[in-house]
C-alpha atoms as a PDB file:
ATOM      1  CA  MET A   1     -42.394 154.791 133.408  1.00  0.00           C
ATOM      2  CA  PRO A   2     -39.103 156.566 134.808  1.00  0.00           C
ATOM      3  CA  ALA A   3     -39.228 160.305 134.587  1.00  0.00           C
ATOM      4  CA  ALA A   4     -34.955 160.132 134.866  1.00  0.00           C
ATOM      5  CA  TYR A   5     -31.772 158.087 134.634  1.00  0.00           C
ATOM      6  CA  PHE A   6     -28.366 158.434 135.927  1.00  0.00           C
ATOM      7  CA  TYR A   7     -26.037 156.758 133.737  1.00  0.00           C
ATOM      8  CA  ILE A   8     -22.125 155.474 133.337  1.00  0.00           C
ATOM      9  CA  LEU A   9     -20.438 155.543 130.230  1.00  0.00           C
ATOM     10  CA  ALA A  10     -16.855 153.780 129.488  1.00  0.00           C
ATOM     11  CA  SER A  11     -14.850 153.785 126.589  1.00  0.00           C
ATOM     12  CA  GLU A  12     -13.774 150.261 127.116  1.00  0.00           C
ATOM     13  CA  ARG A  13     -13.969 147.979 130.174  1.00  0.00           C
ATOM     14  CA  ASN A  14     -11.960 149.252 132.881  1.00  0.00           C
ATOM     15  CA  GLY A  15     -11.471 152.262 130.632  1.00  0.00           C
ATOM     16  CA  THR A  16     -12.583 156.159 130.890  1.00  0.00           C
ATOM     17  CA  LEU A  17     -15.599 156.643 132.846  1.00  0.00           C
ATOM     18  CA  TYR A  18     -18.380 159.541 132.634  1.00  0.00           C
ATOM     19  CA  CYS A  19     -21.303 159.622 134.818  1.00  0.00           C
ATOM     20  CA  GLY A  20     -24.318 161.514 133.955  1.00  0.00           C
ATOM     21  CA  SER A  21     -27.966 162.109 134.465  1.00  0.00           C
ATOM     22  CA  THR A  22     -30.801 162.815 131.807  1.00  0.00           C
ATOM     23  CA  ALA A  23     -34.334 162.427 131.394  1.00  0.00           C
ATOM     24  CA  GLY A  24     -34.263 160.711 128.069  1.00  0.00           C
ATOM     25  CA  LEU A  25     -31.518 158.386 128.143  1.00  0.00           C
ATOM     26  CA  ALA A  26     -31.982 156.676 125.237  1.00  0.00           C
ATOM     27  CA  ASN A  27     -31.409 160.165 123.241  1.00  0.00           C
ATOM     28  CA  ARG A  28     -28.774 161.182 125.379  1.00  0.00           C
ATOM     29  CA  VAL A  29     -26.599 157.902 124.844  1.00  0.00           C
ATOM     30  CA  PHE A  30     -27.208 158.894 121.120  1.00  0.00           C
ATOM     31  CA  GLU A  31     -25.969 162.065 121.207  1.00  0.00           C
ATOM     32  CA  HIS A  32     -23.105 160.514 122.817  1.00  0.00           C
ATOM     33  CA  LYS A  33     -22.198 157.826 120.459  1.00  0.00           C
ATOM     34  CA  GLY A  34     -22.678 160.437 117.446  1.00  0.00           C
ATOM     35  CA  HIS A  35     -20.294 163.175 119.106  1.00  0.00           C
ATOM     36  CA  LEU A  36     -22.846 165.405 118.573  1.00  0.00           C
ATOM     37  CA  ARG A  37     -22.036 167.422 121.328  1.00  0.00           C
ATOM     38  CA  PRO A  38     -18.759 168.875 122.083  1.00  0.00           C
ATOM     39  CA  GLY A  39     -16.976 168.005 125.443  1.00  0.00           C
ATOM     40  CA  PHE A  40     -15.272 165.053 127.126  1.00  0.00           C
ATOM     41  CA  THR A  41     -17.240 162.111 125.886  1.00  0.00           C
ATOM     42  CA  SER A  42     -16.364 163.058 122.187  1.00  0.00           C
ATOM     43  CA  ARG A  43     -12.673 164.164 123.442  1.00  0.00           C
ATOM     44  CA  TYR A  44     -12.294 160.710 124.935  1.00  0.00           C
ATOM     45  CA  GLY A  45     -14.225 158.464 122.820  1.00  0.00           C
ATOM     46  CA  VAL A  46     -16.579 157.684 125.863  1.00  0.00           C
ATOM     47  CA  THR A  47     -19.528 156.174 124.603  1.00  0.00           C
ATOM     48  CA  ARG A  48     -20.421 152.685 126.073  1.00  0.00           C
ATOM     49  CA  LEU A  49     -23.591 152.450 127.944  1.00  0.00           C
ATOM     50  CA  VAL A  50     -22.161 149.953 130.924  1.00  0.00           C
ATOM     51  CA  TYR A  51     -24.571 151.370 133.737  1.00  0.00           C
ATOM     52  CA  TYR A  52     -28.058 153.138 134.650  1.00  0.00           C
ATOM     53  CA  GLU A  53     -30.503 153.691 137.536  1.00  0.00           C
ATOM     54  CA  ALA A  54     -33.722 154.801 136.947  1.00  0.00           C
ATOM     55  CA  TYR A  55     -35.566 157.835 138.948  1.00  0.00           C
ATOM     56  CA  ASP A  56     -38.948 159.164 138.934  1.00  0.00           C
ATOM     57  CA  ARG A  57     -37.832 162.660 139.747  1.00  0.00           C
ATOM     58  CA  LEU A  58     -34.895 164.086 137.197  1.00  0.00           C
ATOM     59  CA  MET A  59     -33.788 165.819 140.894  1.00  0.00           C
ATOM     60  CA  ASP A  60     -32.968 162.256 141.767  1.00  0.00           C
ATOM     61  CA  ALA A  61     -30.888 161.073 139.461  1.00  0.00           C
ATOM     62  CA  ARG A  62     -28.713 164.635 139.316  1.00  0.00           C
ATOM     63  CA  SER A  63     -28.208 163.855 143.214  1.00  0.00           C
ATOM     64  CA  ARG A  64     -27.065 160.478 142.313  1.00  0.00           C
ATOM     65  CA  GLU A  65     -24.627 161.823 139.566  1.00  0.00           C
ATOM     66  CA  TYR A  66     -23.309 164.082 141.697  1.00  0.00           C
ATOM     67  CA  LYS A  67     -22.710 161.342 144.783  1.00  0.00           C
ATOM     68  CA  VAL A  68     -21.018 158.821 142.148  1.00  0.00           C
ATOM     69  CA  LYS A  69     -19.014 161.447 140.541  1.00  0.00           C
ATOM     70  CA  LYS A  70     -17.149 161.992 144.009  1.00  0.00           C
ATOM     71  CA  TRP A  71     -16.382 157.798 144.381  1.00  0.00           C
ATOM     72  CA  ARG A  72     -13.485 156.399 144.301  1.00  0.00           C
ATOM     73  CA  ARG A  73     -13.026 154.790 140.973  1.00  0.00           C
ATOM     74  CA  ALA A  74     -12.664 151.395 142.322  1.00  0.00           C
ATOM     75  CA  TRP A  75     -16.157 152.027 144.044  1.00  0.00           C
ATOM     76  CA  LYS A  76     -17.661 153.362 140.242  1.00  0.00           C
ATOM     77  CA  LEU A  77     -16.235 149.660 138.692  1.00  0.00           C
ATOM     78  CA  ALA A  78     -17.755 147.593 141.526  1.00  0.00           C
ATOM     79  CA  LEU A  79     -20.947 149.372 140.753  1.00  0.00           C
ATOM     80  CA  ILE A  80     -20.702 148.905 137.241  1.00  0.00           C
ATOM     81  CA  GLU A  81     -19.673 145.312 137.712  1.00  0.00           C
ATOM     82  CA  SER A  82     -22.561 144.474 139.957  1.00  0.00           C
ATOM     83  CA  MET A  83     -25.036 144.660 137.035  1.00  0.00           C
ATOM     84  CA  ASN A  84     -23.449 144.243 134.036  1.00  0.00           C
ATOM     85  CA  PRO A  85     -20.074 142.314 135.016  1.00  0.00           C
ATOM     86  CA  GLN A  86     -19.159 141.775 131.094  1.00  0.00           C
ATOM     87  CA  TRP A  87     -19.500 145.226 130.617  1.00  0.00           C
ATOM     88  CA  LEU A  88     -21.712 145.156 127.539  1.00  0.00           C
ATOM     89  CA  ASP A  89     -22.848 148.148 125.600  1.00  0.00           C
ATOM     90  CA  LEU A  90     -26.494 148.670 127.114  1.00  0.00           C
ATOM     91  CA  TYR A  91     -27.715 150.844 124.523  1.00  0.00           C
ATOM     92  CA  GLU A  92     -29.070 148.128 122.226  1.00  0.00           C
ATOM     93  CA  SER A  93     -31.430 146.956 125.131  1.00  0.00           C
ATOM     94  CA  LEU A  94     -33.125 150.197 125.548  1.00  0.00           C
ATOM     95  CA  ALA A  95     -34.889 149.842 122.208  1.00  0.00           C
ATOM     96  CA  ASN A  96     -36.345 146.322 123.550  1.00  0.00           C
END
């Protein structure tokens, strides 16, 4: 079982993006969706989980987050579409 995740949230298809990392993906996305923590995602309505990767170590997920945050927007969009071409909210699939 993965110990950590790198993830990307979006406000809508091709909308505002947010990159993050966490040890508990379902719980963290739940917090974003419920606006339980003030900040960027609450302010801009960025709540749709559109991409994620699993890692064995949190430091690897964080490293991926920091790298992807520096990418050009077009590269991030291509990454999302490689896994989720329809930009579905993947949050529901986490519970299954």
